[in-house]
Amino acid sequence: MAKLTNAADMARSVGVDPKAYRQALRNANFSWHKHNDDWIVELDSDEHSSMRTVLVTLLKRKKA
């Protein structure tokens, strides 16, 4: 069975506000994510990689 993660857990694990992270994900406008769906993805999937990229961007802004 595939392991799942979600935006809130990903954000909290690195000290980012989950609401700010979800907003950044919405702003990224991923074609694979449907409006109002939860941000739940399989670990190590392409979608997970996309979400990690957004999270890294937020972390870089936070440090600046």
N, C-alpha and C. Protein backbone atom coordinates (compact mmCIF):
# COMPACT_ATOMS: atom_id res chain seq x y z
N MET A 1 0.84 -1.19 0.00
CA MET A 1 0.00 0.00 0.00
C MET A 1 0.88 1.25 0.00
N ALA A 2 0.52 2.20 -0.81
CA ALA A 2 1.30 3.43 -0.95
C ALA A 2 1.17 4.28 0.32
N LYS A 3 2.27 4.92 0.68
CA LYS A 3 2.25 5.83 1.82
C LYS A 3 1.86 7.21 1.34
N LEU A 4 1.04 7.88 2.12
CA LEU A 4 0.53 9.19 1.76
C LEU A 4 1.06 10.27 2.69
N THR A 5 1.05 11.48 2.18
CA THR A 5 1.36 12.65 3.00
C THR A 5 0.41 13.77 2.58
N ASN A 6 0.37 14.81 3.38
CA ASN A 6 -0.50 15.94 3.04
C ASN A 6 0.25 17.25 3.27
N ALA A 7 -0.33 18.32 2.76
CA ALA A 7 0.33 19.62 2.81
C ALA A 7 0.59 20.09 4.24
N ALA A 8 -0.36 19.91 5.12
CA ALA A 8 -0.19 20.39 6.49
C ALA A 8 0.98 19.68 7.17
N ASP A 9 1.08 18.36 7.02
CA ASP A 9 2.18 17.62 7.63
C ASP A 9 3.52 18.04 7.03
N MET A 10 3.55 18.21 5.72
CA MET A 10 4.79 18.63 5.07
C MET A 10 5.23 19.99 5.59
N ALA A 11 4.30 20.93 5.70
CA ALA A 11 4.63 22.27 6.17
C ALA A 11 5.12 22.26 7.61
N ARG A 12 4.38 21.60 8.47
CA ARG A 12 4.76 21.55 9.90
C ARG A 12 6.12 20.90 10.11
N SER A 13 6.46 19.94 9.26
CA SER A 13 7.73 19.22 9.45
C SER A 13 8.94 20.12 9.25
N VAL A 14 8.75 21.24 8.57
CA VAL A 14 9.87 22.16 8.33
C VAL A 14 9.61 23.57 8.90
N GLY A 15 8.58 23.71 9.71
CA GLY A 15 8.32 24.97 10.38
C GLY A 15 7.66 26.04 9.54
N VAL A 16 6.88 25.61 8.54
CA VAL A 16 6.16 26.55 7.68
C VAL A 16 4.68 26.52 8.07
N ASP A 17 4.04 27.67 8.03
CA ASP A 17 2.61 27.75 8.33
C ASP A 17 1.82 26.96 7.29
N PRO A 18 1.03 25.97 7.71
CA PRO A 18 0.27 25.17 6.74
C PRO A 18 -0.67 25.99 5.86
N LYS A 19 -1.28 27.03 6.41
CA LYS A 19 -2.19 27.86 5.61
C LYS A 19 -1.43 28.59 4.51
N ALA A 20 -0.27 29.11 4.84
CA ALA A 20 0.55 29.81 3.84
C ALA A 20 1.02 28.82 2.77
N TYR A 21 1.35 27.62 3.19
CA TYR A 21 1.80 26.60 2.23
C TYR A 21 0.67 26.21 1.29
N ARG A 22 -0.51 25.97 1.82
CA ARG A 22 -1.65 25.61 0.96
C ARG A 22 -1.97 26.75 -0.01
N GLN A 23 -1.84 27.99 0.44
CA GLN A 23 -2.07 29.12 -0.47
C GLN A 23 -1.04 29.12 -1.59
N ALA A 24 0.20 28.86 -1.25
CA ALA A 24 1.25 28.80 -2.27
C ALA A 24 0.99 27.66 -3.25
N LEU A 25 0.48 26.55 -2.76
CA LEU A 25 0.14 25.43 -3.64
C LEU A 25 -1.00 25.82 -4.58
N ARG A 26 -2.00 26.49 -4.04
CA ARG A 26 -3.11 26.95 -4.90
C ARG A 26 -2.59 27.91 -5.96
N ASN A 27 -1.69 28.81 -5.57
CA ASN A 27 -1.13 29.79 -6.51
C ASN A 27 -0.31 29.10 -7.61
N ALA A 28 0.26 27.94 -7.30
CA ALA A 28 1.04 27.20 -8.30
C ALA A 28 0.15 26.63 -9.39
N ASN A 29 -1.14 26.48 -9.10
CA ASN A 29 -2.14 26.08 -10.09
C ASN A 29 -1.76 24.79 -10.83
N PHE A 30 -1.47 23.74 -10.06
CA PHE A 30 -1.12 22.46 -10.66
C PHE A 30 -2.30 21.86 -11.41
N SER A 31 -2.05 21.37 -12.60
CA SER A 31 -3.12 20.78 -13.41
C SER A 31 -3.67 19.50 -12.80
N TRP A 32 -2.88 18.83 -11.98
CA TRP A 32 -3.30 17.56 -11.39
C TRP A 32 -4.17 17.75 -10.14
N HIS A 33 -4.27 18.96 -9.63
CA HIS A 33 -5.05 19.19 -8.41
C HIS A 33 -6.37 19.86 -8.72
N LYS A 34 -7.44 19.26 -8.26
CA LYS A 34 -8.79 19.81 -8.49
C LYS A 34 -9.13 20.81 -7.39
N HIS A 35 -9.86 21.85 -7.77
CA HIS A 35 -10.30 22.89 -6.84
C HIS A 35 -11.01 22.26 -5.64
N ASN A 36 -10.65 22.69 -4.44
CA ASN A 36 -11.22 22.26 -3.16
C ASN A 36 -10.90 20.83 -2.75
N ASP A 37 -10.07 20.11 -3.52
CA ASP A 37 -9.62 18.79 -3.07
C ASP A 37 -8.55 18.97 -1.99
N ASP A 38 -8.41 17.96 -1.16
CA ASP A 38 -7.35 17.98 -0.16
C ASP A 38 -5.99 17.80 -0.86
N TRP A 39 -4.97 18.32 -0.23
CA TRP A 39 -3.61 18.19 -0.75
C TRP A 39 -2.98 16.93 -0.19
N ILE A 40 -3.44 15.78 -0.66
CA ILE A 40 -2.93 14.49 -0.22
C ILE A 40 -2.32 13.79 -1.43
N VAL A 41 -1.07 13.37 -1.27
CA VAL A 41 -0.35 12.73 -2.38
C VAL A 41 0.45 11.53 -1.87
N GLU A 42 0.82 10.66 -2.81
CA GLU A 42 1.69 9.53 -2.48
C GLU A 42 3.11 10.03 -2.33
N LEU A 43 3.80 9.51 -1.32
CA LEU A 43 5.20 9.84 -1.14
C LEU A 43 5.98 9.45 -2.39
N ASP A 44 6.92 10.27 -2.76
CA ASP A 44 7.83 10.05 -3.90
C ASP A 44 7.15 10.05 -5.26
N SER A 45 5.91 10.51 -5.33
CA SER A 45 5.23 10.63 -6.62
C SER A 45 5.63 11.95 -7.28
N ASP A 46 5.25 12.11 -8.54
CA ASP A 46 5.51 13.38 -9.24
C ASP A 46 4.80 14.53 -8.54
N GLU A 47 3.60 14.28 -8.06
CA GLU A 47 2.84 15.32 -7.35
C GLU A 47 3.54 15.72 -6.06
N HIS A 48 4.07 14.75 -5.35
CA HIS A 48 4.81 15.01 -4.11
C HIS A 48 6.05 15.86 -4.42
N SER A 49 6.72 15.54 -5.50
CA SER A 49 7.89 16.32 -5.90
C SER A 49 7.50 17.77 -6.20
N SER A 50 6.39 17.96 -6.88
CA SER A 50 5.90 19.32 -7.17
C SER A 50 5.61 20.08 -5.88
N MET A 51 4.99 19.42 -4.94
CA MET A 51 4.67 20.05 -3.66
C MET A 51 5.94 20.39 -2.89
N ARG A 52 6.94 19.51 -2.93
CA ARG A 52 8.22 19.79 -2.25
C ARG A 52 8.89 21.01 -2.85
N THR A 53 8.81 21.17 -4.17
CA THR A 53 9.41 22.33 -4.83
C THR A 53 8.80 23.63 -4.30
N VAL A 54 7.48 23.64 -4.17
CA VAL A 54 6.80 24.83 -3.62
C VAL A 54 7.24 25.07 -2.18
N LEU A 55 7.37 24.01 -1.42
CA LEU A 55 7.77 24.13 -0.01
C LEU A 55 9.19 24.69 0.10
N VAL A 56 10.08 24.22 -0.73
CA VAL A 56 11.46 24.73 -0.72
C VAL A 56 11.47 26.22 -1.05
N THR A 57 10.66 26.62 -2.00
CA THR A 57 10.55 28.04 -2.36
C THR A 57 10.11 28.88 -1.16
N LEU A 58 9.13 28.36 -0.42
CA LEU A 58 8.68 29.08 0.78
C LEU A 58 9.78 29.16 1.83
N LEU A 59 10.52 28.09 2.00
CA LEU A 59 11.60 28.08 2.98
C LEU A 59 12.68 29.08 2.61
N LYS A 60 12.99 29.18 1.33
CA LYS A 60 14.01 30.14 0.88
C LYS A 60 13.55 31.57 1.15
N ARG A 61 12.27 31.84 0.91
CA ARG A 61 11.73 33.19 1.18
C ARG A 61 11.78 33.49 2.68
N LYS A 62 11.48 32.48 3.49
CA LYS A 62 11.46 32.65 4.94
C LYS A 62 12.85 33.02 5.47
N LYS A 63 13.88 32.43 4.88
CA LYS A 63 15.26 32.69 5.32
C LYS A 63 15.76 34.04 4.85
N ALA A 64 15.21 34.54 3.77
CA ALA A 64 15.71 35.81 3.20
C ALA A 64 15.30 37.00 4.01
